[in-house]
Amino acid sequence: MSAAPLPCLRPECKVAQTGKCDLKHDPVELCPNYGKTAQPSPAASGEEQPTPRRTAPAAVGISSGDTMEWEDLEAFSRGHRMRTVSLIGEPRSGKTTLIAAIYASLCKGAIGNRVFVGSRTLVGFAKRHHLALLNSERRSPKTPRTSSDDPTAFFHLALRPNDGGPISQLIVSDRSGEAYQAARQDTALVKNLTELRLAERACFVLNAAKLTNPERHAAYSRQFKQMIYAFRDNGAFRDNVAIEVLATKIDTTKKPDRAAESAAILDEYEAQIVDEFQVAGIEFGFHRVCALPKSHLETGYLGLAETVARWTTPQQLPDVVQPAVGDAFRQIDRLLAKW
């Protein structure tokens, strides 16, 4: 003899007599009311019930606006096609100053033919630029040095051409100059510079003030070339990386008493390293920029628009069209040769 059907939470339901759910659930076990009995109300039982606690909604993550770290960049890369640039230079070469200057220029409007669309690291930019503002109460503009204890920082800018072209998601990495200096001296450390393998463009930052200083020229010019060789020859970059040299602090070469001499030193060094690296199979562009003029204010901001344009210009895609075959065996190949 089969067991009697279980009662229903709905008193008008006749499932106990008919075995069928009034709400047309089949089988009846799918009904959320089946097999349940009504519980007595607190008033009927005379018991005082505790006030139910309200559960807090799940926390929603909000970006701090500071620089990205590796975890943030990995999450961002899953939804965006990025243009990645690594700034490479020894301490006080001007890497952070360049980043702050690009941000400052965008705060005033378009930079060259690129307009600001958005950024996930505005707070990080503002922190680097603060000491160059009047409200920092400093006597001269400055940008903070990146500490050797700081992790690799990634800055983000979304930029679009004035003509309404596609938006470029630009990612610029910034690491302490001490790390690059140590890797130049001990190439076993090159493998730790993981941001360089990510970079589509490697930008070596040349300190023009050191290069044109007669007392430091010989040592610094040699060390700068050593860094490029050390990183390139020890697998720091991807195969198709674009390499450029960016001479900063150009305002220091414009002082009237040494302007001609400094310009000659800079021109000679540019020609020298371009020829030397071309023989070694390394091709790159040599560019000049002034991001924070202090020594010769008349120089002003120099080369920022051209730099941003290079960093955000889409790379030329490889040609995947098969070459035509002149004397082909197949008819389809002969037709393609005619086209």
C-alpha atoms as a PDB file:
ATOM      1  CA  MET A   1       0.000   0.000   0.000  1.00  0.00           C
ATOM      2  CA  SER A   2       1.481   3.361  -1.045  1.00  0.00           C
ATOM      3  CA  ALA A   3       2.046   6.148   1.461  1.00  0.00           C
ATOM      4  CA  ALA A   4      -0.400   9.067   1.480  1.00  0.00           C
ATOM      5  CA  PRO A   5       0.818  12.155  -0.381  1.00  0.00           C
ATOM      6  CA  LEU A   6       2.464  14.779   1.774  1.00  0.00           C
ATOM      7  CA  PRO A   7       0.446  17.931   2.506  1.00  0.00           C
ATOM      8  CA  CYS A   8       1.012  21.289   0.762  1.00  0.00           C
ATOM      9  CA  LEU A   9       1.792  24.675   2.182  1.00  0.00           C
ATOM     10  CA  ARG A  10      -1.264  26.015   0.312  1.00  0.00           C
ATOM     11  CA  PRO A  11      -4.375  24.965   2.281  1.00  0.00           C
ATOM     12  CA  GLU A  12      -6.644  25.034  -0.791  1.00  0.00           C
ATOM     13  CA  CYS A  13      -4.460  22.589  -2.695  1.00  0.00           C
ATOM     14  CA  LYS A  14      -6.030  19.123  -3.110  1.00  0.00           C
ATOM     15  CA  VAL A  15      -2.806  17.268  -3.750  1.00  0.00           C
ATOM     16  CA  ALA A  16      -3.465  15.097  -0.699  1.00  0.00           C
ATOM     17  CA  GLN A  17      -6.683  13.799  -2.300  1.00  0.00           C
ATOM     18  CA  THR A  18      -5.851  13.830  -5.996  1.00  0.00           C
ATOM     19  CA  GLY A  19      -2.089  13.452  -6.000  1.00  0.00           C
ATOM     20  CA  LYS A  20      -1.893  16.312  -8.527  1.00  0.00           C
ATOM     21  CA  CYS A  21      -0.552  19.805  -7.989  1.00  0.00           C
ATOM     22  CA  ASP A  22      -3.061  22.605  -8.423  1.00  0.00           C
ATOM     23  CA  LEU A  23      -0.250  24.742  -9.898  1.00  0.00           C
ATOM     24  CA  LYS A  24       0.374  22.086 -12.575  1.00  0.00           C
ATOM     25  CA  HIS A  25       3.829  21.060 -11.341  1.00  0.00           C
ATOM     26  CA  ASP A  26       4.669  17.635 -12.705  1.00  0.00           C
ATOM     27  CA  PRO A  27       5.982  15.790 -10.845  1.00  0.00           C
ATOM     28  CA  VAL A  28       4.509  17.363  -7.758  1.00  0.00           C
ATOM     29  CA  GLU A  29       7.887  17.327  -6.010  1.00  0.00           C
ATOM     30  CA  LEU A  30       8.883  20.274  -8.201  1.00  0.00           C
ATOM     31  CA  CYS A  31       6.338  22.515  -6.509  1.00  0.00           C
ATOM     32  CA  PRO A  32       8.035  24.774  -3.923  1.00  0.00           C
ATOM     33  CA  ASN A  33       5.015  24.349  -1.630  1.00  0.00           C
ATOM     34  CA  TYR A  34       4.849  20.556  -1.730  1.00  0.00           C
ATOM     35  CA  GLY A  35       5.749  18.672   1.425  1.00  0.00           C
ATOM     36  CA  LYS A  36       5.657  21.752   3.637  1.00  0.00           C
ATOM     37  CA  THR A  37       3.271  22.698   6.412  1.00  0.00           C
ATOM     38  CA  ALA A  38       2.363  26.186   7.513  1.00  0.00           C
ATOM     39  CA  GLN A  39       4.289  27.424  10.534  1.00  0.00           C
ATOM     40  CA  PRO A  40       2.360  29.104  13.355  1.00  0.00           C
ATOM     41  CA  SER A  41       2.704  32.876  13.422  1.00  0.00           C
ATOM     42  CA  PRO A  42       4.631  34.477  16.296  1.00  0.00           C
ATOM     43  CA  ALA A  43       1.416  36.065  17.563  1.00  0.00           C
ATOM     44  CA  ALA A  44      -0.356  32.688  17.695  1.00  0.00           C
ATOM     45  CA  SER A  45       2.473  31.000  19.554  1.00  0.00           C
ATOM     46  CA  GLY A  46       2.860  33.873  22.001  1.00  0.00           C
ATOM     47  CA  GLU A  47       6.609  33.835  21.591  1.00  0.00           C
ATOM     48  CA  GLU A  48       8.559  36.997  20.987  1.00  0.00           C
ATOM     49  CA  GLN A  49      10.568  36.581  17.815  1.00  0.00           C
ATOM     50  CA  PRO A  50      13.992  38.249  17.371  1.00  0.00           C
ATOM     51  CA  THR A  51      14.201  41.083  14.885  1.00  0.00           C
ATOM     52  CA  PRO A  52      15.758  39.707  11.684  1.00  0.00           C
ATOM     53  CA  ARG A  53      19.133  41.183  10.859  1.00  0.00           C
ATOM     54  CA  ARG A  54      19.572  42.966   7.577  1.00  0.00           C
ATOM     55  CA  THR A  55      22.473  41.560   5.635  1.00  0.00           C
ATOM     56  CA  ALA A  56      24.794  44.080   4.049  1.00  0.00           C
ATOM     57  CA  PRO A  57      24.920  44.001   0.230  1.00  0.00           C
ATOM     58  CA  ALA A  58      27.964  42.485  -1.384  1.00  0.00           C
ATOM     59  CA  ALA A  59      30.893  44.900  -1.626  1.00  0.00           C
ATOM     60  CA  VAL A  60      31.515  46.476  -5.033  1.00  0.00           C
ATOM     61  CA  GLY A  61      35.137  47.056  -6.001  1.00  0.00           C
ATOM     62  CA  ILE A  62      35.951  50.639  -6.992  1.00  0.00           C
ATOM     63  CA  SER A  63      39.220  51.548  -8.671  1.00  0.00           C
ATOM     64  CA  SER A  64      41.430  53.764  -6.527  1.00  0.00           C
ATOM     65  CA  GLY A  65      42.644  55.671  -9.575  1.00  0.00           C
ATOM     66  CA  ASP A  66      46.243  55.037  -8.575  1.00  0.00           C
ATOM     67  CA  THR A  67      48.772  53.342 -10.830  1.00  0.00           C
ATOM     68  CA  MET A  68      48.086  49.805 -11.987  1.00  0.00           C
ATOM     69  CA  GLU A  69      50.059  46.826 -10.783  1.00  0.00           C
ATOM     70  CA  TRP A  70      50.402  43.482 -12.538  1.00  0.00           C
ATOM     71  CA  GLU A  71      47.065  42.097 -11.316  1.00  0.00           C
ATOM     72  CA  ASP A  72      45.211  45.217 -12.466  1.00  0.00           C
ATOM     73  CA  LEU A  73      46.943  45.171 -15.836  1.00  0.00           C
ATOM     74  CA  GLU A  74      46.119  41.517 -16.438  1.00  0.00           C
ATOM     75  CA  ALA A  75      42.436  42.171 -15.754  1.00  0.00           C
ATOM     76  CA  PHE A  76      42.467  45.255 -17.996  1.00  0.00           C
ATOM     77  CA  SER A  77      44.197  43.418 -20.861  1.00  0.00           C
ATOM     78  CA  ARG A  78      41.398  40.844 -21.035  1.00  0.00           C
ATOM     79  CA  GLY A  79      38.986  43.504 -22.244  1.00  0.00           C
ATOM     80  CA  HIS A  80      41.181  45.955 -24.181  1.00  0.00           C
ATOM     81  CA  ARG A  81      43.758  46.006 -26.957  1.00  0.00           C
ATOM     82  CA  MET A  82      46.663  47.860 -25.371  1.00  0.00           C
ATOM     83  CA  ARG A  83      49.604  49.845 -26.768  1.00  0.00           C
ATOM     84  CA  THR A  84      52.452  49.217 -24.312  1.00  0.00           C
ATOM     85  CA  VAL A  85      55.537  51.384 -23.777  1.00  0.00           C
ATOM     86  CA  SER A  86      58.364  50.809 -21.294  1.00  0.00           C
ATOM     87  CA  LEU A  87      60.436  53.784 -20.160  1.00  0.00           C
ATOM     88  CA  ILE A  88      64.004  52.632 -19.489  1.00  0.00           C
ATOM     89  CA  GLY A  89      66.636  54.788 -17.845  1.00  0.00           C
ATOM     90  CA  GLU A  90      68.967  55.088 -14.912  1.00  0.00           C
ATOM     91  CA  PRO A  91      68.192  57.247 -11.842  1.00  0.00           C
ATOM     92  CA  ARG A  92      67.276  60.902 -12.510  1.00  0.00           C
ATOM     93  CA  SER A  93      67.039  60.414 -16.262  1.00  0.00           C
ATOM     94  CA  GLY A  94      63.573  62.003 -16.391  1.00  0.00           C
ATOM     95  CA  LYS A  95      61.173  59.050 -16.796  1.00  0.00           C
ATOM     96  CA  THR A  96      58.647  60.137 -14.159  1.00  0.00           C
ATOM     97  CA  THR A  97      58.940  63.767 -15.229  1.00  0.00           C
ATOM     98  CA  LEU A  98      57.998  62.784 -18.776  1.00  0.00           C
ATOM     99  CA  ILE A  99      54.916  60.936 -17.541  1.00  0.00           C
ATOM    100  CA  ALA A 100      53.864  63.901 -15.399  1.00  0.00           C
ATOM    101  CA  ALA A 101      54.394  66.334 -18.283  1.00  0.00           C
ATOM    102  CA  ILE A 102      52.158  64.342 -20.629  1.00  0.00           C
ATOM    103  CA  TYR A 103      49.432  64.348 -17.976  1.00  0.00           C
ATOM    104  CA  ALA A 104      49.857  68.096 -17.382  1.00  0.00           C
ATOM    105  CA  SER A 105      49.561  68.840 -21.098  1.00  0.00           C
ATOM    106  CA  LEU A 106      46.389  66.778 -21.404  1.00  0.00           C
ATOM    107  CA  CYS A 107      44.887  68.689 -18.470  1.00  0.00           C
ATOM    108  CA  LYS A 108      45.068  71.806 -20.670  1.00  0.00           C
ATOM    109  CA  GLY A 109      43.546  70.202 -23.760  1.00  0.00           C
ATOM    110  CA  ALA A 110      44.633  68.145 -26.728  1.00  0.00           C
ATOM    111  CA  ILE A 111      48.285  67.221 -27.031  1.00  0.00           C
ATOM    112  CA  GLY A 112      49.184  67.483 -30.695  1.00  0.00           C
ATOM    113  CA  ASN A 113      46.362  65.773 -32.550  1.00  0.00           C
ATOM    114  CA  ARG A 114      45.465  63.454 -29.653  1.00  0.00           C
ATOM    115  CA  VAL A 115      42.561  64.215 -27.313  1.00  0.00           C
ATOM    116  CA  PHE A 116      41.979  62.763 -23.863  1.00  0.00           C
ATOM    117  CA  VAL A 117      39.197  60.163 -23.612  1.00  0.00           C
ATOM    118  CA  GLY A 118      39.789  58.614 -20.195  1.00  0.00           C
ATOM    119  CA  SER A 119      42.236  57.129 -17.718  1.00  0.00           C
ATOM    120  CA  ARG A 120      42.164  54.564 -14.928  1.00  0.00           C
ATOM    121  CA  THR A 121      45.216  56.070 -13.224  1.00  0.00           C
ATOM    122  CA  LEU A 122      44.371  59.759 -12.810  1.00  0.00           C
ATOM    123  CA  VAL A 123      45.279  59.695  -9.112  1.00  0.00           C
ATOM    124  CA  GLY A 124      48.656  58.171  -9.962  1.00  0.00           C
ATOM    125  CA  PHE A 125      49.282  60.895 -12.540  1.00  0.00           C
ATOM    126  CA  ALA A 126      48.246  63.623 -10.090  1.00  0.00           C
ATOM    127  CA  LYS A 127      50.622  62.335  -7.404  1.00  0.00           C
ATOM    128  CA  ARG A 128      53.560  62.561  -9.819  1.00  0.00           C
ATOM    129  CA  HIS A 129      52.569  66.012 -11.031  1.00  0.00           C
ATOM    130  CA  HIS A 130      51.729  67.641  -7.677  1.00  0.00           C
ATOM    131  CA  LEU A 131      55.249  68.869  -6.850  1.00  0.00           C
ATOM    132  CA  ALA A 132      55.380  70.753 -10.156  1.00  0.00           C
ATOM    133  CA  LEU A 133      52.321  72.870  -9.231  1.00  0.00           C
ATOM    134  CA  LEU A 134      52.270  76.238  -7.493  1.00  0.00           C
ATOM    135  CA  ASN A 135      50.115  74.904  -4.652  1.00  0.00           C
ATOM    136  CA  SER A 136      52.918  72.495  -3.715  1.00  0.00           C
ATOM    137  CA  GLU A 137      54.639  75.649  -2.356  1.00  0.00           C
ATOM    138  CA  ARG A 138      57.998  74.664  -3.813  1.00  0.00           C
ATOM    139  CA  ARG A 139      60.413  77.244  -5.180  1.00  0.00           C
ATOM    140  CA  SER A 140      61.038  75.221  -8.330  1.00  0.00           C
ATOM    141  CA  PRO A 141      58.989  72.494 -10.069  1.00  0.00           C
ATOM    142  CA  LYS A 142      59.911  68.892  -9.375  1.00  0.00           C
ATOM    143  CA  THR A 143      58.582  65.356  -9.731  1.00  0.00           C
ATOM    144  CA  PRO A 144      59.050  62.611  -7.129  1.00  0.00           C
ATOM    145  CA  ARG A 145      61.658  59.936  -7.701  1.00  0.00           C
ATOM    146  CA  THR A 146      60.488  56.360  -8.116  1.00  0.00           C
ATOM    147  CA  SER A 147      61.790  54.378  -5.148  1.00  0.00           C
ATOM    148  CA  SER A 148      63.628  51.112  -5.628  1.00  0.00           C
ATOM    149  CA  ASP A 149      61.171  49.600  -3.126  1.00  0.00           C
ATOM    150  CA  ASP A 150      58.154  50.513  -5.274  1.00  0.00           C
ATOM    151  CA  PRO A 151      56.686  47.827  -7.565  1.00  0.00           C
ATOM    152  CA  THR A 152      56.540  48.420 -11.291  1.00  0.00           C
ATOM    153  CA  ALA A 153      53.816  50.999 -11.937  1.00  0.00           C
ATOM    154  CA  PHE A 154      51.651  51.137 -15.054  1.00  0.00           C
ATOM    155  CA  PHE A 155      49.956  54.340 -16.206  1.00  0.00           C
ATOM    156  CA  HIS A 156      46.897  54.272 -18.469  1.00  0.00           C
ATOM    157  CA  LEU A 157      45.646  56.805 -20.993  1.00  0.00           C
ATOM    158  CA  ALA A 158      42.824  56.438 -23.512  1.00  0.00           C
ATOM    159  CA  LEU A 159      43.536  58.818 -26.409  1.00  0.00           C
ATOM    160  CA  ARG A 160      41.840  59.453 -29.713  1.00  0.00           C
ATOM    161  CA  PRO A 161      42.937  61.406 -32.818  1.00  0.00           C
ATOM    162  CA  ASN A 162      41.207  64.713 -33.528  1.00  0.00           C
ATOM    163  CA  ASP A 163      39.688  63.261 -36.682  1.00  0.00           C
ATOM    164  CA  GLY A 164      37.689  60.754 -34.642  1.00  0.00           C
ATOM    165  CA  GLY A 165      39.788  57.678 -35.345  1.00  0.00           C
ATOM    166  CA  PRO A 166      40.021  54.624 -33.085  1.00  0.00           C
ATOM    167  CA  ILE A 167      40.821  55.036 -29.393  1.00  0.00           C
ATOM    168  CA  SER A 168      44.288  53.928 -28.294  1.00  0.00           C
ATOM    169  CA  GLN A 169      44.598  52.351 -24.849  1.00  0.00           C
ATOM    170  CA  LEU A 170      48.127  53.447 -23.934  1.00  0.00           C
ATOM    171  CA  ILE A 171      49.962  51.715 -21.080  1.00  0.00           C
ATOM    172  CA  VAL A 172      53.290  53.205 -19.926  1.00  0.00           C
ATOM    173  CA  SER A 173      55.428  51.339 -17.393  1.00  0.00           C
ATOM    174  CA  ASP A 174      57.588  53.107 -14.828  1.00  0.00           C
ATOM    175  CA  ARG A 175      60.195  51.342 -12.709  1.00  0.00           C
ATOM    176  CA  SER A 176      62.957  52.608 -10.454  1.00  0.00           C
ATOM    177  CA  GLY A 177      66.106  53.627 -12.315  1.00  0.00           C
ATOM    178  CA  GLU A 178      68.174  51.678  -9.778  1.00  0.00           C
ATOM    179  CA  ALA A 179      66.684  48.431 -11.123  1.00  0.00           C
ATOM    180  CA  TYR A 180      67.763  49.228 -14.685  1.00  0.00           C
ATOM    181  CA  GLN A 181      71.182  50.339 -13.464  1.00  0.00           C
ATOM    182  CA  ALA A 182      71.664  47.078 -11.565  1.00  0.00           C
ATOM    183  CA  ALA A 183      70.578  45.013 -14.594  1.00  0.00           C
ATOM    184  CA  ARG A 184      73.093  46.831 -16.789  1.00  0.00           C
ATOM    185  CA  GLN A 185      75.873  45.957 -14.349  1.00  0.00           C
ATOM    186  CA  ASP A 186      74.667  42.373 -13.778  1.00  0.00           C
ATOM    187  CA  THR A 187      72.847  40.983 -16.817  1.00  0.00           C
ATOM    188  CA  ALA A 188      71.540  38.034 -14.773  1.00  0.00           C
ATOM    189  CA  LEU A 189      69.008  40.514 -13.383  1.00  0.00           C
ATOM    190  CA  VAL A 190      67.564  41.317 -16.827  1.00  0.00           C
ATOM    191  CA  LYS A 191      65.072  38.452 -16.518  1.00  0.00           C
ATOM    192  CA  ASN A 192      63.507  40.214 -13.526  1.00  0.00           C
ATOM    193  CA  LEU A 193      62.467  43.175 -15.698  1.00  0.00           C
ATOM    194  CA  THR A 194      59.278  41.411 -16.798  1.00  0.00           C
ATOM    195  CA  GLU A 195      57.562  44.572 -18.015  1.00  0.00           C
ATOM    196  CA  LEU A 196      60.038  44.759 -20.911  1.00  0.00           C
ATOM    197  CA  ARG A 197      58.714  41.537 -22.459  1.00  0.00           C
ATOM    198  CA  LEU A 198      55.267  43.119 -22.478  1.00  0.00           C
ATOM    199  CA  ALA A 199      56.383  46.291 -24.255  1.00  0.00           C
ATOM    200  CA  GLU A 200      55.659  46.900 -27.923  1.00  0.00           C
ATOM    201  CA  ARG A 201      57.972  49.929 -27.710  1.00  0.00           C
ATOM    202  CA  ALA A 202      61.118  50.209 -25.598  1.00  0.00           C
ATOM    203  CA  CYS A 203      61.999  53.840 -24.903  1.00  0.00           C
ATOM    204  CA  PHE A 204      65.546  54.397 -23.592  1.00  0.00           C
ATOM    205  CA  VAL A 205      65.647  57.741 -21.785  1.00  0.00           C
ATOM    206  CA  LEU A 206      68.913  59.644 -22.315  1.00  0.00           C
ATOM    207  CA  ASN A 207      69.799  62.384 -19.832  1.00  0.00           C
ATOM    208  CA  ALA A 208      71.055  65.226 -22.062  1.00  0.00           C
ATOM    209  CA  ALA A 209      72.323  67.152 -19.016  1.00  0.00           C
ATOM    210  CA  LYS A 210      74.746  64.340 -18.158  1.00  0.00           C
ATOM    211  CA  LEU A 211      75.708  63.691 -21.745  1.00  0.00           C
ATOM    212  CA  THR A 212      76.715  67.328 -22.395  1.00  0.00           C
ATOM    213  CA  ASN A 213      78.557  67.683 -19.076  1.00  0.00           C
ATOM    214  CA  PRO A 214      82.290  67.533 -19.953  1.00  0.00           C
ATOM    215  CA  GLU A 215      83.123  65.781 -16.673  1.00  0.00           C
ATOM    216  CA  ARG A 216      80.501  63.042 -17.108  1.00  0.00           C
ATOM    217  CA  HIS A 217      80.258  62.684 -20.870  1.00  0.00           C
ATOM    218  CA  ALA A 218      82.746  59.843 -21.383  1.00  0.00           C
ATOM    219  CA  ALA A 219      81.411  57.569 -18.642  1.00  0.00           C
ATOM    220  CA  TYR A 220      77.743  58.285 -19.239  1.00  0.00           C
ATOM    221  CA  SER A 221      77.855  57.887 -23.030  1.00  0.00           C
ATOM    222  CA  ARG A 222      79.528  54.486 -22.600  1.00  0.00           C
ATOM    223  CA  GLN A 223      77.079  53.321 -19.910  1.00  0.00           C
ATOM    224  CA  PHE A 224      74.056  54.310 -21.977  1.00  0.00           C
ATOM    225  CA  LYS A 225      75.169  52.178 -24.916  1.00  0.00           C
ATOM    226  CA  GLN A 226      75.986  49.315 -22.535  1.00  0.00           C
ATOM    227  CA  MET A 227      72.395  49.328 -21.281  1.00  0.00           C
ATOM    228  CA  ILE A 228      70.900  48.953 -24.760  1.00  0.00           C
ATOM    229  CA  TYR A 229      73.281  46.106 -25.616  1.00  0.00           C
ATOM    230  CA  ALA A 230      72.745  44.379 -22.244  1.00  0.00           C
ATOM    231  CA  PHE A 231      68.964  44.335 -22.508  1.00  0.00           C
ATOM    232  CA  ARG A 232      68.770  43.530 -26.193  1.00  0.00           C
ATOM    233  CA  ASP A 233      71.379  40.731 -26.104  1.00  0.00           C
ATOM    234  CA  ASN A 234      69.926  39.070 -22.995  1.00  0.00           C
ATOM    235  CA  GLY A 235      66.363  38.603 -24.212  1.00  0.00           C
ATOM    236  CA  ALA A 236      64.714  41.497 -22.409  1.00  0.00           C
ATOM    237  CA  PHE A 237      62.375  42.302 -25.330  1.00  0.00           C
ATOM    238  CA  ARG A 238      59.973  40.554 -27.644  1.00  0.00           C
ATOM    239  CA  ASP A 239      61.187  39.921 -31.174  1.00  0.00           C
ATOM    240  CA  ASN A 240      59.256  42.713 -32.911  1.00  0.00           C
ATOM    241  CA  VAL A 241      59.830  45.443 -30.322  1.00  0.00           C
ATOM    242  CA  ALA A 242      60.289  49.007 -31.583  1.00  0.00           C
ATOM    243  CA  ILE A 243      63.266  50.715 -29.924  1.00  0.00           C
ATOM    244  CA  GLU A 244      63.739  54.452 -29.561  1.00  0.00           C
ATOM    245  CA  VAL A 245      66.098  56.786 -27.732  1.00  0.00           C
ATOM    246  CA  LEU A 246      64.491  59.815 -26.113  1.00  0.00           C
ATOM    247  CA  ALA A 247      66.892  62.567 -25.040  1.00  0.00           C
ATOM    248  CA  THR A 248      65.356  64.480 -22.109  1.00  0.00           C
ATOM    249  CA  LYS A 249      66.271  67.714 -20.299  1.00  0.00           C
ATOM    250  CA  ILE A 250      67.001  69.469 -23.584  1.00  0.00           C
ATOM    251  CA  ASP A 251      66.591  72.816 -21.818  1.00  0.00           C
ATOM    252  CA  THR A 252      69.974  72.232 -20.124  1.00  0.00           C
ATOM    253  CA  THR A 253      71.649  72.311 -23.553  1.00  0.00           C
ATOM    254  CA  LYS A 254      70.164  75.717 -24.424  1.00  0.00           C
ATOM    255  CA  LYS A 255      72.145  77.856 -21.981  1.00  0.00           C
ATOM    256  CA  PRO A 256      73.641  80.742 -23.951  1.00  0.00           C
ATOM    257  CA  ASP A 257      77.205  80.173 -22.718  1.00  0.00           C
ATOM    258  CA  ARG A 258      77.287  76.501 -23.840  1.00  0.00           C
ATOM    259  CA  ALA A 259      74.411  76.143 -26.311  1.00  0.00           C
ATOM    260  CA  ALA A 260      76.562  75.622 -29.414  1.00  0.00           C
ATOM    261  CA  GLU A 261      78.930  73.190 -27.687  1.00  0.00           C
ATOM    262  CA  SER A 262      76.070  71.170 -26.145  1.00  0.00           C
ATOM    263  CA  ALA A 263      74.195  70.973 -29.444  1.00  0.00           C
ATOM    264  CA  ALA A 264      77.340  69.686 -31.170  1.00  0.00           C
ATOM    265  CA  ILE A 265      77.870  67.003 -28.495  1.00  0.00           C
ATOM    266  CA  LEU A 266      74.259  65.856 -28.777  1.00  0.00           C
ATOM    267  CA  ASP A 267      74.339  65.755 -32.593  1.00  0.00           C
ATOM    268  CA  GLU A 268      77.623  63.857 -32.637  1.00  0.00           C
ATOM    269  CA  TYR A 269      76.431  61.284 -30.110  1.00  0.00           C
ATOM    270  CA  GLU A 270      73.173  60.762 -31.999  1.00  0.00           C
ATOM    271  CA  ALA A 271      75.013  60.043 -35.251  1.00  0.00           C
ATOM    272  CA  GLN A 272      77.516  57.826 -33.442  1.00  0.00           C
ATOM    273  CA  ILE A 273      75.058  55.496 -31.728  1.00  0.00           C
ATOM    274  CA  VAL A 274      72.696  55.313 -34.706  1.00  0.00           C
ATOM    275  CA  ASP A 275      75.567  54.145 -36.935  1.00  0.00           C
ATOM    276  CA  GLU A 276      77.019  51.806 -34.292  1.00  0.00           C
ATOM    277  CA  PHE A 277      73.743  50.066 -33.515  1.00  0.00           C
ATOM    278  CA  GLN A 278      72.814  49.845 -37.176  1.00  0.00           C
ATOM    279  CA  VAL A 279      75.961  47.805 -37.746  1.00  0.00           C
ATOM    280  CA  ALA A 280      74.871  45.579 -34.836  1.00  0.00           C
ATOM    281  CA  GLY A 281      71.442  45.088 -36.430  1.00  0.00           C
ATOM    282  CA  ILE A 282      69.574  47.385 -34.035  1.00  0.00           C
ATOM    283  CA  GLU A 283      67.518  50.115 -35.671  1.00  0.00           C
ATOM    284  CA  PHE A 284      65.870  52.860 -33.665  1.00  0.00           C
ATOM    285  CA  GLY A 285      64.805  56.473 -33.789  1.00  0.00           C
ATOM    286  CA  PHE A 286      66.514  59.257 -31.856  1.00  0.00           C
ATOM    287  CA  HIS A 287      64.186  61.961 -30.502  1.00  0.00           C
ATOM    288  CA  ARG A 288      64.448  64.936 -28.164  1.00  0.00           C
ATOM    289  CA  VAL A 289      62.047  66.181 -25.516  1.00  0.00           C
ATOM    290  CA  CYS A 290      61.826  68.801 -22.804  1.00  0.00           C
ATOM    291  CA  ALA A 291      59.220  67.817 -20.241  1.00  0.00           C
ATOM    292  CA  LEU A 292      59.880  70.254 -17.371  1.00  0.00           C
ATOM    293  CA  PRO A 293      61.994  73.267 -18.401  1.00  0.00           C
ATOM    294  CA  LYS A 294      63.964  74.750 -15.498  1.00  0.00           C
ATOM    295  CA  SER A 295      67.448  75.710 -16.740  1.00  0.00           C
ATOM    296  CA  HIS A 296      66.308  77.602 -19.821  1.00  0.00           C
ATOM    297  CA  LEU A 297      62.610  78.431 -19.592  1.00  0.00           C
ATOM    298  CA  GLU A 298      62.429  79.729 -23.152  1.00  0.00           C
ATOM    299  CA  THR A 299      62.817  76.147 -24.377  1.00  0.00           C
ATOM    300  CA  GLY A 300      59.308  75.352 -23.137  1.00  0.00           C
ATOM    301  CA  TYR A 301      57.712  71.968 -23.581  1.00  0.00           C
ATOM    302  CA  LEU A 302      59.361  70.231 -26.506  1.00  0.00           C
ATOM    303  CA  GLY A 303      58.578  66.990 -28.335  1.00  0.00           C
ATOM    304  CA  LEU A 304      55.646  65.803 -26.185  1.00  0.00           C
ATOM    305  CA  ALA A 305      53.086  65.811 -29.001  1.00  0.00           C
ATOM    306  CA  GLU A 306      55.393  63.880 -31.322  1.00  0.00           C
ATOM    307  CA  THR A 307      56.172  61.380 -28.570  1.00  0.00           C
ATOM    308  CA  VAL A 308      52.505  60.670 -27.813  1.00  0.00           C
ATOM    309  CA  ALA A 309      51.755  60.363 -31.539  1.00  0.00           C
ATOM    310  CA  ARG A 310      54.486  57.728 -31.975  1.00  0.00           C
ATOM    311  CA  TRP A 311      53.318  55.777 -28.943  1.00  0.00           C
ATOM    312  CA  THR A 312      49.687  55.659 -30.058  1.00  0.00           C
ATOM    313  CA  THR A 313      50.050  55.189 -33.828  1.00  0.00           C
ATOM    314  CA  PRO A 314      48.825  51.687 -34.746  1.00  0.00           C
ATOM    315  CA  GLN A 315      51.557  49.327 -35.843  1.00  0.00           C
ATOM    316  CA  GLN A 316      51.700  48.305 -39.478  1.00  0.00           C
ATOM    317  CA  LEU A 317      50.131  44.866 -39.807  1.00  0.00           C
ATOM    318  CA  PRO A 318      52.062  42.254 -41.797  1.00  0.00           C
ATOM    319  CA  ASP A 319      50.919  41.564 -45.351  1.00  0.00           C
ATOM    320  CA  VAL A 320      49.258  38.131 -45.377  1.00  0.00           C
ATOM    321  CA  VAL A 321      48.357  38.102 -49.086  1.00  0.00           C
ATOM    322  CA  GLN A 322      49.966  35.161 -50.858  1.00  0.00           C
ATOM    323  CA  PRO A 323      52.326  36.191 -53.675  1.00  0.00           C
ATOM    324  CA  ALA A 324      51.099  35.437 -57.174  1.00  0.00           C
ATOM    325  CA  VAL A 325      52.640  32.492 -58.985  1.00  0.00           C
ATOM    326  CA  GLY A 326      53.649  33.367 -62.565  1.00  0.00           C
ATOM    327  CA  ASP A 327      53.657  29.918 -64.197  1.00  0.00           C
ATOM    328  CA  ALA A 328      51.208  28.041 -62.005  1.00  0.00           C
ATOM    329  CA  PHE A 329      49.888  24.541 -62.561  1.00  0.00           C
ATOM    330  CA  ARG A 330      46.376  25.158 -61.181  1.00  0.00           C
ATOM    331  CA  GLN A 331      43.870  27.310 -63.061  1.00  0.00           C
ATOM    332  CA  ILE A 332      42.900  29.243 -59.885  1.00  0.00           C
ATOM    333  CA  ASP A 333      46.555  30.231 -59.338  1.00  0.00           C
ATOM    334  CA  ARG A 334      46.831  31.478 -62.921  1.00  0.00           C
ATOM    335  CA  LEU A 335      43.721  33.617 -62.401  1.00  0.00           C
ATOM    336  CA  LEU A 336      45.184  35.102 -59.220  1.00  0.00           C
ATOM    337  CA  ALA A 337      48.392  35.946 -61.087  1.00  0.00           C
ATOM    338  CA  LYS A 338      46.370  37.960 -63.620  1.00  0.00           C
ATOM    339  CA  TRP A 339      44.676  39.940 -60.828  1.00  0.00           C
END
